[in-house]
């Protein structure tokens, strides 16, 4: 694998969050999306890109220290597939061998988890995707081989790359990282992460 692109999905509306943009809510002093972007930047990806849509200017400021580039998403209100499609198209345009997607509302994923996914992908060239697990439950981020770029670029609706899982070879990588199951969708989620930190996992 000569080129791996990491995509931070940061364009969505986050309609379940009751007060403002969840990506800009702070955990330990940092915006949630900045923590996600930093985890990606500190991992062994060759290029880190963030997709932008809702509150684009503010989100760009939050991720700017940690990403190489941002991509503005049109019709970002039509679901996560728009960001995934843009990420796949970006990776395809750089002739990358793989793309890794991390939702921007996941502030607790460890860079070592990304490294383990990358190592697993390089060790098994026959797998189409690699996912982390904790206690057998899969989580995020998800790495896709270049052979899946066309399918990812044709997704529609409020769905991500996992829509492909029934038809491809997916390698599961056990980890002890509870962050793969921690996302912030509501104020209650935010309170939980602030109170318990990144040791609080949800399946």
N, C-alpha and C. Protein backbone atom coordinates (compact mmCIF):
# COMPACT_ATOMS: atom_id res chain seq x y z
N UNK A 1 0.85 -1.19 0.00
CA UNK A 1 0.00 0.00 0.00
C UNK A 1 0.89 1.24 0.00
N UNK A 2 0.77 2.05 -1.00
CA UNK A 2 1.65 3.20 -1.11
C UNK A 2 1.00 4.50 -0.65
N UNK A 3 -0.30 4.55 -0.64
CA UNK A 3 -0.97 5.80 -0.27
C UNK A 3 -2.27 5.49 0.44
N UNK A 4 -2.43 6.05 1.63
CA UNK A 4 -3.65 5.88 2.42
C UNK A 4 -4.20 7.25 2.76
N UNK A 5 -5.44 7.49 2.38
CA UNK A 5 -6.10 8.76 2.67
C UNK A 5 -7.07 8.58 3.83
N UNK A 6 -6.97 9.43 4.82
CA UNK A 6 -7.89 9.43 5.95
C UNK A 6 -8.91 10.54 5.80
N UNK A 7 -10.19 10.19 5.89
CA UNK A 7 -11.28 11.16 5.71
C UNK A 7 -12.02 11.34 7.03
N UNK A 8 -12.05 12.57 7.54
CA UNK A 8 -12.86 12.90 8.70
C UNK A 8 -14.21 13.42 8.19
N UNK A 9 -15.27 12.70 8.51
CA UNK A 9 -16.61 13.05 8.03
C UNK A 9 -17.19 14.13 8.93
N UNK A 10 -17.21 15.37 8.44
CA UNK A 10 -17.56 16.51 9.29
C UNK A 10 -18.52 17.48 8.61
N UNK A 11 -19.39 16.96 7.76
CA UNK A 11 -20.27 17.84 6.98
C UNK A 11 -21.71 17.85 7.45
N UNK A 12 -22.10 16.91 8.32
CA UNK A 12 -23.52 16.69 8.59
C UNK A 12 -24.18 17.73 9.47
N UNK A 13 -25.51 17.64 9.50
CA UNK A 13 -26.33 18.57 10.28
C UNK A 13 -26.39 18.21 11.76
N UNK A 14 -26.26 16.92 12.09
CA UNK A 14 -26.34 16.51 13.49
C UNK A 14 -27.67 16.88 14.12
N UNK A 15 -28.76 16.51 13.48
CA UNK A 15 -30.09 16.98 13.89
C UNK A 15 -30.54 16.45 15.25
N UNK A 16 -29.94 15.37 15.75
CA UNK A 16 -30.35 14.84 17.05
C UNK A 16 -29.74 15.61 18.21
N UNK A 17 -28.77 16.45 17.91
CA UNK A 17 -28.13 17.25 18.96
C UNK A 17 -28.99 18.48 19.24
N UNK A 18 -29.32 18.69 20.50
CA UNK A 18 -30.36 19.66 20.83
C UNK A 18 -29.90 21.12 20.89
N UNK A 19 -28.60 21.38 20.85
CA UNK A 19 -28.14 22.75 21.09
C UNK A 19 -26.87 23.03 20.30
N UNK A 20 -27.02 23.61 19.12
CA UNK A 20 -25.86 23.97 18.33
C UNK A 20 -25.29 22.81 17.54
N UNK A 21 -24.08 23.00 17.03
CA UNK A 21 -23.40 22.00 16.22
C UNK A 21 -22.60 21.08 17.13
N UNK A 22 -22.96 19.80 17.15
CA UNK A 22 -22.29 18.87 18.06
C UNK A 22 -20.79 18.77 17.80
N UNK A 23 -20.38 18.95 16.55
CA UNK A 23 -18.96 18.83 16.23
C UNK A 23 -18.11 19.90 16.90
N UNK A 24 -18.76 21.01 17.25
CA UNK A 24 -18.04 22.11 17.88
C UNK A 24 -18.16 22.11 19.39
N UNK A 25 -18.99 21.20 19.94
CA UNK A 25 -19.06 21.04 21.40
C UNK A 25 -17.70 20.56 21.89
N UNK A 26 -17.35 20.95 23.10
CA UNK A 26 -15.99 20.69 23.58
C UNK A 26 -15.93 19.55 24.60
N UNK A 27 -14.88 18.77 24.46
CA UNK A 27 -14.52 17.73 25.42
C UNK A 27 -13.08 17.97 25.83
N UNK A 28 -12.87 18.15 27.12
CA UNK A 28 -11.53 18.47 27.63
C UNK A 28 -10.93 19.68 26.91
N UNK A 29 -11.79 20.65 26.62
CA UNK A 29 -11.32 21.92 26.06
C UNK A 29 -11.21 21.98 24.56
N UNK A 30 -11.39 20.85 23.87
CA UNK A 30 -11.23 20.83 22.42
C UNK A 30 -12.55 20.48 21.73
N UNK A 31 -12.83 21.07 20.57
CA UNK A 31 -14.01 20.65 19.81
C UNK A 31 -13.95 19.16 19.48
N UNK A 32 -15.09 18.51 19.52
CA UNK A 32 -15.15 17.09 19.24
C UNK A 32 -14.51 16.77 17.90
N UNK A 33 -14.82 17.56 16.88
CA UNK A 33 -14.30 17.28 15.55
C UNK A 33 -12.79 17.47 15.49
N UNK A 34 -12.25 18.37 16.29
CA UNK A 34 -10.80 18.56 16.33
C UNK A 34 -10.12 17.35 16.94
N UNK A 35 -10.74 16.75 17.95
CA UNK A 35 -10.18 15.55 18.56
C UNK A 35 -10.17 14.39 17.56
N UNK A 36 -11.25 14.27 16.79
CA UNK A 36 -11.29 13.22 15.76
C UNK A 36 -10.20 13.45 14.71
N UNK A 37 -10.08 14.68 14.26
CA UNK A 37 -9.08 14.99 13.23
C UNK A 37 -7.67 14.77 13.76
N UNK A 38 -7.43 15.09 15.02
CA UNK A 38 -6.10 14.87 15.60
C UNK A 38 -5.78 13.38 15.68
N UNK A 39 -6.76 12.56 16.05
CA UNK A 39 -6.53 11.11 16.09
C UNK A 39 -6.12 10.60 14.72
N UNK A 40 -6.76 11.12 13.68
CA UNK A 40 -6.42 10.71 12.32
C UNK A 40 -5.02 11.20 11.96
N UNK A 41 -4.74 12.44 12.27
CA UNK A 41 -3.45 13.03 11.89
C UNK A 41 -2.28 12.35 12.59
N UNK A 42 -2.50 11.85 13.79
CA UNK A 42 -1.44 11.20 14.56
C UNK A 42 -1.29 9.72 14.22
N UNK A 43 -2.09 9.25 13.29
CA UNK A 43 -2.04 7.85 12.87
C UNK A 43 -1.25 7.75 11.56
N UNK A 44 -0.98 6.52 11.08
CA UNK A 44 -0.14 6.37 9.89
C UNK A 44 -0.88 6.54 8.57
N UNK A 45 -1.70 7.57 8.44
CA UNK A 45 -2.28 7.88 7.14
C UNK A 45 -1.35 8.85 6.43
N UNK A 46 -1.37 8.84 5.11
CA UNK A 46 -0.48 9.70 4.34
C UNK A 46 -1.05 11.10 4.14
N UNK A 47 -2.37 11.19 4.16
CA UNK A 47 -3.03 12.48 3.96
C UNK A 47 -4.34 12.48 4.73
N UNK A 48 -4.61 13.54 5.47
CA UNK A 48 -5.85 13.67 6.24
C UNK A 48 -6.71 14.77 5.62
N UNK A 49 -7.96 14.43 5.35
CA UNK A 49 -8.89 15.33 4.68
C UNK A 49 -10.18 15.38 5.50
N UNK A 50 -10.77 16.55 5.64
CA UNK A 50 -12.06 16.69 6.31
C UNK A 50 -13.11 17.15 5.31
N UNK A 51 -14.27 16.52 5.35
CA UNK A 51 -15.39 17.00 4.55
C UNK A 51 -16.14 18.07 5.33
N UNK A 52 -16.57 19.10 4.64
CA UNK A 52 -17.25 20.23 5.27
C UNK A 52 -18.62 20.45 4.64
N UNK A 53 -19.56 20.92 5.45
CA UNK A 53 -20.89 21.24 4.95
C UNK A 53 -21.56 22.22 5.89
N UNK A 54 -22.29 21.70 6.87
CA UNK A 54 -22.95 22.53 7.88
C UNK A 54 -21.89 23.26 8.71
N UNK A 55 -22.10 24.58 8.92
CA UNK A 55 -21.15 25.39 9.69
C UNK A 55 -19.72 25.24 9.17
N UNK A 56 -19.58 25.26 7.86
CA UNK A 56 -18.29 24.93 7.25
C UNK A 56 -17.14 25.78 7.76
N UNK A 57 -17.34 27.07 7.89
CA UNK A 57 -16.24 27.95 8.28
C UNK A 57 -15.76 27.62 9.69
N UNK A 58 -16.69 27.41 10.61
CA UNK A 58 -16.33 27.11 11.99
C UNK A 58 -15.68 25.74 12.11
N UNK A 59 -16.21 24.77 11.39
CA UNK A 59 -15.62 23.43 11.44
C UNK A 59 -14.23 23.45 10.81
N UNK A 60 -14.07 24.20 9.75
CA UNK A 60 -12.74 24.30 9.12
C UNK A 60 -11.72 24.85 10.11
N UNK A 61 -12.10 25.87 10.85
CA UNK A 61 -11.17 26.44 11.84
C UNK A 61 -10.79 25.40 12.89
N UNK A 62 -11.75 24.56 13.27
CA UNK A 62 -11.48 23.55 14.30
C UNK A 62 -10.52 22.47 13.82
N UNK A 63 -10.66 22.06 12.56
CA UNK A 63 -9.85 20.94 12.07
C UNK A 63 -8.57 21.38 11.38
N UNK A 64 -8.47 22.66 11.06
CA UNK A 64 -7.36 23.14 10.23
C UNK A 64 -5.97 22.74 10.74
N UNK A 65 -5.72 22.73 12.06
CA UNK A 65 -4.37 22.36 12.51
C UNK A 65 -4.02 20.89 12.25
N UNK A 66 -5.02 20.07 11.92
CA UNK A 66 -4.79 18.63 11.87
C UNK A 66 -5.01 17.99 10.50
N UNK A 67 -5.49 18.76 9.54
CA UNK A 67 -5.78 18.17 8.23
C UNK A 67 -4.92 18.82 7.15
N UNK A 68 -4.71 18.06 6.09
CA UNK A 68 -3.96 18.58 4.95
C UNK A 68 -4.85 19.35 3.99
N UNK A 69 -6.12 19.02 4.01
CA UNK A 69 -7.04 19.63 3.04
C UNK A 69 -8.47 19.46 3.54
N UNK A 70 -9.36 20.33 3.06
CA UNK A 70 -10.79 20.18 3.32
C UNK A 70 -11.53 20.13 1.98
N UNK A 71 -12.67 19.46 2.00
CA UNK A 71 -13.50 19.32 0.80
C UNK A 71 -14.90 19.78 1.14
N UNK A 72 -15.40 20.75 0.40
CA UNK A 72 -16.76 21.25 0.62
C UNK A 72 -17.76 20.31 -0.05
N UNK A 73 -18.78 19.90 0.71
CA UNK A 73 -19.78 18.96 0.22
C UNK A 73 -21.05 19.70 -0.19
N UNK A 74 -21.49 19.47 -1.41
CA UNK A 74 -22.77 19.99 -1.85
C UNK A 74 -23.89 19.05 -1.36
N UNK A 75 -25.04 19.61 -1.07
CA UNK A 75 -26.19 18.83 -0.62
C UNK A 75 -25.85 17.95 0.58
N UNK A 76 -25.06 18.50 1.50
CA UNK A 76 -24.66 17.74 2.68
C UNK A 76 -25.86 17.37 3.56
N UNK A 77 -26.97 18.07 3.37
CA UNK A 77 -28.17 17.78 4.16
C UNK A 77 -28.88 16.51 3.69
N UNK A 78 -28.38 15.86 2.66
CA UNK A 78 -29.02 14.66 2.12
C UNK A 78 -28.41 13.37 2.67
N UNK A 79 -27.58 13.49 3.70
CA UNK A 79 -27.11 12.29 4.38
C UNK A 79 -25.62 12.05 4.28
N UNK A 80 -25.15 11.11 5.11
CA UNK A 80 -23.73 10.83 5.23
C UNK A 80 -23.12 10.34 3.92
N UNK A 81 -23.95 9.73 3.07
CA UNK A 81 -23.41 9.20 1.82
C UNK A 81 -22.71 10.28 1.00
N UNK A 82 -23.16 11.54 1.11
CA UNK A 82 -22.53 12.61 0.34
C UNK A 82 -21.06 12.79 0.75
N UNK A 83 -20.80 12.70 2.05
CA UNK A 83 -19.42 12.82 2.53
C UNK A 83 -18.59 11.61 2.14
N UNK A 84 -19.18 10.42 2.27
CA UNK A 84 -18.46 9.20 1.91
C UNK A 84 -18.13 9.21 0.41
N UNK A 85 -19.09 9.61 -0.39
CA UNK A 85 -18.85 9.68 -1.83
C UNK A 85 -17.71 10.63 -2.15
N UNK A 86 -17.74 11.80 -1.51
CA UNK A 86 -16.69 12.79 -1.78
C UNK A 86 -15.32 12.27 -1.33
N UNK A 87 -15.29 11.58 -0.19
CA UNK A 87 -14.04 11.02 0.29
C UNK A 87 -13.49 9.96 -0.65
N UNK A 88 -14.37 9.10 -1.15
CA UNK A 88 -13.94 8.07 -2.08
C UNK A 88 -13.44 8.68 -3.39
N UNK A 89 -14.15 9.70 -3.86
CA UNK A 89 -13.73 10.36 -5.10
C UNK A 89 -12.38 11.06 -4.92
N UNK A 90 -12.18 11.66 -3.74
CA UNK A 90 -10.90 12.30 -3.47
C UNK A 90 -9.78 11.25 -3.49
N UNK A 91 -10.00 10.14 -2.77
CA UNK A 91 -8.98 9.09 -2.71
C UNK A 91 -8.69 8.53 -4.10
N UNK A 92 -9.76 8.32 -4.87
CA UNK A 92 -9.59 7.80 -6.23
C UNK A 92 -8.79 8.77 -7.08
N UNK A 93 -9.02 10.06 -6.89
CA UNK A 93 -8.30 11.07 -7.66
C UNK A 93 -6.83 11.17 -7.33
N UNK A 94 -6.45 10.71 -6.14
CA UNK A 94 -5.03 10.73 -5.76
C UNK A 94 -4.36 9.39 -6.02
N UNK A 95 -5.09 8.45 -6.63
CA UNK A 95 -4.57 7.11 -6.88
C UNK A 95 -4.17 6.39 -5.59
N UNK A 96 -4.91 6.70 -4.51
CA UNK A 96 -4.64 6.03 -3.24
C UNK A 96 -4.98 4.55 -3.32
N UNK A 97 -4.35 3.76 -2.48
CA UNK A 97 -4.62 2.33 -2.42
C UNK A 97 -5.72 1.99 -1.42
N UNK A 98 -6.02 2.94 -0.53
CA UNK A 98 -7.06 2.70 0.47
C UNK A 98 -7.54 4.02 1.03
N UNK A 99 -8.75 4.00 1.59
CA UNK A 99 -9.30 5.17 2.25
C UNK A 99 -9.86 4.74 3.60
N UNK A 100 -9.70 5.59 4.59
CA UNK A 100 -10.18 5.29 5.93
C UNK A 100 -11.11 6.40 6.37
N UNK A 101 -12.32 6.03 6.81
CA UNK A 101 -13.33 7.00 7.20
C UNK A 101 -13.50 7.02 8.72
N UNK A 102 -13.45 8.22 9.30
CA UNK A 102 -13.71 8.41 10.73
C UNK A 102 -14.76 9.50 10.89
N UNK A 103 -15.93 9.18 11.45
CA UNK A 103 -16.93 10.22 11.70
C UNK A 103 -16.39 11.30 12.62
N UNK A 104 -16.69 12.54 12.30
CA UNK A 104 -16.18 13.65 13.09
C UNK A 104 -16.78 13.79 14.46
N UNK A 105 -17.84 13.01 14.76
CA UNK A 105 -18.46 13.08 16.09
C UNK A 105 -17.92 12.01 17.02
N UNK A 106 -16.77 11.42 16.68
CA UNK A 106 -16.16 10.37 17.51
C UNK A 106 -14.84 10.90 18.08
N UNK A 107 -14.88 11.44 19.30
CA UNK A 107 -13.71 12.14 19.85
C UNK A 107 -12.70 11.25 20.56
N UNK A 108 -12.93 9.94 20.62
CA UNK A 108 -12.13 9.11 21.51
C UNK A 108 -11.35 7.99 20.83
N UNK A 109 -11.38 7.92 19.52
CA UNK A 109 -10.64 6.85 18.83
C UNK A 109 -9.14 7.08 18.98
N UNK A 110 -8.42 6.03 19.33
CA UNK A 110 -6.99 6.13 19.54
C UNK A 110 -6.23 5.99 18.21
N UNK A 111 -5.19 6.79 18.00
CA UNK A 111 -4.39 6.65 16.78
C UNK A 111 -3.85 5.23 16.60
N UNK A 112 -3.56 4.53 17.68
CA UNK A 112 -3.05 3.16 17.58
C UNK A 112 -4.07 2.23 16.93
N UNK A 113 -5.36 2.53 17.12
CA UNK A 113 -6.40 1.72 16.48
C UNK A 113 -6.30 1.85 14.96
N UNK A 114 -6.10 3.07 14.50
CA UNK A 114 -5.94 3.28 13.06
C UNK A 114 -4.71 2.52 12.56
N UNK A 115 -3.64 2.58 13.32
CA UNK A 115 -2.42 1.87 12.92
C UNK A 115 -2.68 0.37 12.78
N UNK A 116 -3.46 -0.18 13.66
CA UNK A 116 -3.74 -1.62 13.61
C UNK A 116 -4.57 -1.97 12.38
N UNK A 117 -5.50 -1.07 12.01
CA UNK A 117 -6.28 -1.31 10.80
C UNK A 117 -5.39 -1.27 9.57
N UNK A 118 -4.49 -0.30 9.54
CA UNK A 118 -3.58 -0.17 8.40
C UNK A 118 -2.69 -1.41 8.30
N UNK A 119 -2.14 -1.84 9.43
CA UNK A 119 -1.27 -3.02 9.42
C UNK A 119 -2.03 -4.26 8.95
N UNK A 120 -3.28 -4.40 9.40
CA UNK A 120 -4.08 -5.56 9.00
C UNK A 120 -4.37 -5.54 7.51
N UNK A 121 -4.64 -4.35 6.98
CA UNK A 121 -4.91 -4.24 5.55
C UNK A 121 -3.68 -4.59 4.72
N UNK A 122 -2.53 -4.15 5.18
CA UNK A 122 -1.30 -4.43 4.45
C UNK A 122 -0.92 -5.91 4.52
N UNK A 123 -1.30 -6.56 5.62
CA UNK A 123 -0.96 -7.97 5.80
C UNK A 123 -1.90 -8.90 5.04
N UNK A 124 -3.08 -8.40 4.68
CA UNK A 124 -4.08 -9.24 4.02
C UNK A 124 -4.61 -8.50 2.80
N UNK A 125 -3.95 -8.71 1.67
CA UNK A 125 -4.31 -7.98 0.45
C UNK A 125 -5.63 -8.43 -0.14
N UNK A 126 -6.18 -9.53 0.36
CA UNK A 126 -7.44 -10.04 -0.18
C UNK A 126 -8.67 -9.42 0.49
N UNK A 127 -8.49 -8.72 1.59
CA UNK A 127 -9.65 -8.14 2.27
C UNK A 127 -10.06 -6.84 1.59
N UNK A 128 -11.35 -6.59 1.54
CA UNK A 128 -11.89 -5.39 0.91
C UNK A 128 -12.06 -4.25 1.91
N UNK A 129 -12.23 -4.59 3.18
CA UNK A 129 -12.43 -3.60 4.22
C UNK A 129 -11.90 -4.15 5.53
N UNK A 130 -11.53 -3.23 6.44
CA UNK A 130 -11.04 -3.61 7.76
C UNK A 130 -11.77 -2.77 8.79
N UNK A 131 -12.26 -3.44 9.85
CA UNK A 131 -12.99 -2.74 10.91
C UNK A 131 -12.40 -3.13 12.26
N UNK A 132 -12.43 -2.22 13.24
CA UNK A 132 -12.00 -2.57 14.59
C UNK A 132 -13.17 -3.16 15.37
N UNK A 133 -12.85 -4.00 16.35
CA UNK A 133 -13.88 -4.54 17.24
C UNK A 133 -13.42 -4.42 18.68
N UNK A 134 -14.40 -4.36 19.57
CA UNK A 134 -14.19 -4.50 21.00
C UNK A 134 -15.22 -5.51 21.50
N UNK A 135 -14.75 -6.57 22.13
CA UNK A 135 -15.64 -7.64 22.60
C UNK A 135 -16.54 -8.16 21.48
N UNK A 136 -15.98 -8.23 20.28
CA UNK A 136 -16.70 -8.77 19.14
C UNK A 136 -17.62 -7.80 18.44
N UNK A 137 -17.82 -6.61 19.00
CA UNK A 137 -18.70 -5.61 18.39
C UNK A 137 -17.89 -4.65 17.53
N UNK A 138 -18.23 -4.56 16.26
CA UNK A 138 -17.46 -3.71 15.36
C UNK A 138 -17.79 -2.24 15.60
N UNK A 139 -16.83 -1.38 15.20
CA UNK A 139 -17.02 0.06 15.37
C UNK A 139 -16.35 0.83 14.26
N UNK A 140 -16.00 2.06 14.53
CA UNK A 140 -15.33 2.95 13.59
C UNK A 140 -13.93 3.27 14.11
N UNK A 141 -13.01 3.65 13.21
CA UNK A 141 -13.16 3.93 11.78
C UNK A 141 -13.16 2.66 10.93
N UNK A 142 -13.41 2.85 9.62
CA UNK A 142 -13.45 1.73 8.69
C UNK A 142 -12.52 2.04 7.52
N UNK A 143 -11.71 1.06 7.16
CA UNK A 143 -10.77 1.19 6.05
C UNK A 143 -11.29 0.38 4.87
N UNK A 144 -11.26 0.99 3.68
CA UNK A 144 -11.68 0.32 2.45
C UNK A 144 -10.54 0.29 1.44
N UNK A 145 -10.37 -0.85 0.80
CA UNK A 145 -9.41 -1.00 -0.28
C UNK A 145 -9.88 -0.22 -1.51
N UNK A 146 -8.94 0.12 -2.38
CA UNK A 146 -9.25 0.91 -3.58
C UNK A 146 -10.26 0.22 -4.49
N UNK A 147 -10.34 -1.10 -4.42
CA UNK A 147 -11.31 -1.81 -5.25
C UNK A 147 -12.75 -1.43 -4.92
N UNK A 148 -12.96 -0.81 -3.77
CA UNK A 148 -14.31 -0.42 -3.35
C UNK A 148 -14.63 1.05 -3.62
N UNK A 149 -13.68 1.78 -4.19
CA UNK A 149 -13.89 3.22 -4.39
C UNK A 149 -15.12 3.50 -5.26
N UNK A 150 -15.29 2.74 -6.33
CA UNK A 150 -16.42 3.01 -7.23
C UNK A 150 -17.75 2.79 -6.51
N UNK A 151 -17.85 1.72 -5.73
CA UNK A 151 -19.08 1.46 -4.99
C UNK A 151 -19.33 2.54 -3.95
N UNK A 152 -18.28 2.96 -3.25
CA UNK A 152 -18.42 4.01 -2.25
C UNK A 152 -18.86 5.32 -2.89
N UNK A 153 -18.35 5.60 -4.08
CA UNK A 153 -18.68 6.85 -4.77
C UNK A 153 -20.08 6.85 -5.35
N UNK A 154 -20.78 5.73 -5.26
CA UNK A 154 -22.15 5.67 -5.80
C UNK A 154 -23.20 5.51 -4.70
N UNK A 155 -22.80 5.61 -3.43
CA UNK A 155 -23.75 5.49 -2.34
C UNK A 155 -24.77 6.62 -2.37
N UNK A 156 -25.96 6.36 -1.83
CA UNK A 156 -27.01 7.38 -1.77
C UNK A 156 -27.70 7.30 -0.42
N UNK A 157 -28.29 8.44 -0.02
CA UNK A 157 -29.08 8.48 1.21
C UNK A 157 -28.22 8.66 2.44
N UNK A 158 -28.84 8.44 3.61
CA UNK A 158 -28.15 8.63 4.87
C UNK A 158 -27.50 7.33 5.31
N UNK A 159 -26.51 6.91 4.54
CA UNK A 159 -25.82 5.66 4.82
C UNK A 159 -24.34 5.84 4.55
N UNK A 160 -23.54 5.02 5.23
CA UNK A 160 -22.10 5.08 5.02
C UNK A 160 -21.60 3.84 4.31
N UNK A 161 -20.29 3.64 4.37
CA UNK A 161 -19.68 2.54 3.65
C UNK A 161 -20.09 1.17 4.14
N UNK A 162 -20.64 1.08 5.33
CA UNK A 162 -21.05 -0.22 5.85
C UNK A 162 -22.18 -0.84 5.03
N UNK A 163 -22.80 -0.04 4.19
CA UNK A 163 -23.82 -0.59 3.30
C UNK A 163 -23.25 -1.64 2.36
N UNK A 164 -21.93 -1.65 2.20
CA UNK A 164 -21.28 -2.60 1.30
C UNK A 164 -20.93 -3.92 1.99
N UNK A 165 -21.03 -3.97 3.31
CA UNK A 165 -20.45 -5.08 4.06
C UNK A 165 -21.01 -6.45 3.69
N UNK A 166 -22.26 -6.51 3.29
CA UNK A 166 -22.86 -7.81 2.98
C UNK A 166 -22.26 -8.46 1.73
N UNK A 167 -21.60 -7.64 0.91
CA UNK A 167 -21.13 -8.14 -0.38
C UNK A 167 -19.62 -8.15 -0.53
N UNK A 168 -18.89 -7.83 0.53
CA UNK A 168 -17.43 -7.76 0.42
C UNK A 168 -16.78 -8.53 1.56
N UNK A 169 -15.47 -8.74 1.42
CA UNK A 169 -14.70 -9.42 2.44
C UNK A 169 -14.23 -8.41 3.48
N UNK A 170 -14.72 -8.57 4.72
CA UNK A 170 -14.41 -7.62 5.79
C UNK A 170 -13.56 -8.31 6.85
N UNK A 171 -12.42 -7.74 7.14
CA UNK A 171 -11.56 -8.28 8.20
C UNK A 171 -11.84 -7.52 9.49
N UNK A 172 -12.03 -8.25 10.56
CA UNK A 172 -12.30 -7.68 11.88
C UNK A 172 -11.02 -7.72 12.70
N UNK A 173 -10.66 -6.58 13.28
CA UNK A 173 -9.42 -6.47 14.05
C UNK A 173 -9.76 -6.19 15.51
N UNK A 174 -9.52 -7.14 16.40
CA UNK A 174 -9.81 -6.92 17.82
C UNK A 174 -8.93 -5.81 18.41
N UNK A 175 -9.54 -4.95 19.22
CA UNK A 175 -8.81 -3.89 19.92
C UNK A 175 -9.34 -3.80 21.34
N UNK A 176 -8.66 -3.01 22.15
CA UNK A 176 -9.17 -2.69 23.49
C UNK A 176 -9.50 -1.20 23.57
N UNK A 177 -9.90 -0.62 22.46
CA UNK A 177 -10.17 0.82 22.36
C UNK A 177 -11.68 1.08 22.43
N UNK A 178 -12.21 1.50 23.58
CA UNK A 178 -13.65 1.77 23.67
C UNK A 178 -14.08 2.93 22.80
N UNK A 179 -13.12 3.75 22.34
CA UNK A 179 -13.46 4.90 21.52
C UNK A 179 -14.10 4.55 20.20
N UNK A 180 -13.94 3.30 19.74
CA UNK A 180 -14.54 2.92 18.46
C UNK A 180 -16.06 2.86 18.54
N UNK A 181 -16.60 2.87 19.76
CA UNK A 181 -18.05 2.82 19.95
C UNK A 181 -18.61 4.11 20.55
N UNK A 182 -17.78 5.11 20.72
CA UNK A 182 -18.23 6.35 21.37
C UNK A 182 -18.44 7.44 20.34
N UNK A 183 -19.69 7.78 20.10
CA UNK A 183 -19.99 8.95 19.27
C UNK A 183 -20.92 9.87 20.06
N UNK A 184 -21.00 11.10 19.60
CA UNK A 184 -21.82 12.10 20.28
C UNK A 184 -22.94 12.51 19.35
N UNK A 185 -24.14 12.01 19.64
CA UNK A 185 -25.32 12.37 18.86
C UNK A 185 -26.24 13.32 19.60
N UNK A 186 -26.23 13.25 20.93
CA UNK A 186 -27.16 14.03 21.75
C UNK A 186 -26.42 14.71 22.88
N UNK A 187 -27.11 15.62 23.59
CA UNK A 187 -26.52 16.25 24.76
C UNK A 187 -26.21 15.22 25.84
N UNK A 188 -27.04 14.19 25.93
CA UNK A 188 -26.78 13.13 26.90
C UNK A 188 -25.46 12.42 26.60
N UNK A 189 -25.21 12.15 25.31
CA UNK A 189 -23.94 11.55 24.92
C UNK A 189 -22.78 12.45 25.32
N UNK A 190 -22.92 13.73 25.07
CA UNK A 190 -21.86 14.68 25.40
C UNK A 190 -21.60 14.69 26.89
N UNK A 191 -22.66 14.71 27.69
CA UNK A 191 -22.52 14.70 29.14
C UNK A 191 -21.79 13.44 29.59
N UNK A 192 -22.12 12.30 28.99
CA UNK A 192 -21.50 11.04 29.36
C UNK A 192 -20.00 11.06 29.09
N UNK A 193 -19.60 11.57 27.92
CA UNK A 193 -18.19 11.62 27.59
C UNK A 193 -17.47 12.60 28.50
N UNK A 194 -18.10 13.72 28.79
CA UNK A 194 -17.46 14.70 29.68
C UNK A 194 -17.30 14.15 31.09
N UNK A 195 -18.26 13.36 31.54
CA UNK A 195 -18.21 12.84 32.90
C UNK A 195 -17.26 11.65 33.03
N UNK A 196 -17.33 10.73 32.07
CA UNK A 196 -16.60 9.47 32.19
C UNK A 196 -15.37 9.39 31.29
N UNK A 197 -15.23 10.34 30.39
CA UNK A 197 -14.10 10.31 29.48
C UNK A 197 -14.24 9.24 28.43
N UNK A 198 -13.15 8.88 27.82
CA UNK A 198 -13.18 7.97 26.69
C UNK A 198 -13.14 6.52 27.11
N UNK A 199 -13.35 6.22 28.39
CA UNK A 199 -13.43 4.84 28.85
C UNK A 199 -14.86 4.33 28.82
N UNK A 200 -15.80 5.19 28.43
CA UNK A 200 -17.20 4.80 28.39
C UNK A 200 -17.55 4.36 26.99
N UNK A 201 -17.70 3.07 26.76
CA UNK A 201 -18.03 2.54 25.43
C UNK A 201 -19.49 2.20 25.33
N UNK A 202 -20.02 2.32 24.08
CA UNK A 202 -21.39 1.90 23.81
C UNK A 202 -21.36 1.03 22.58
N UNK A 203 -22.08 -0.06 22.61
CA UNK A 203 -22.12 -0.92 21.43
C UNK A 203 -23.27 -0.51 20.55
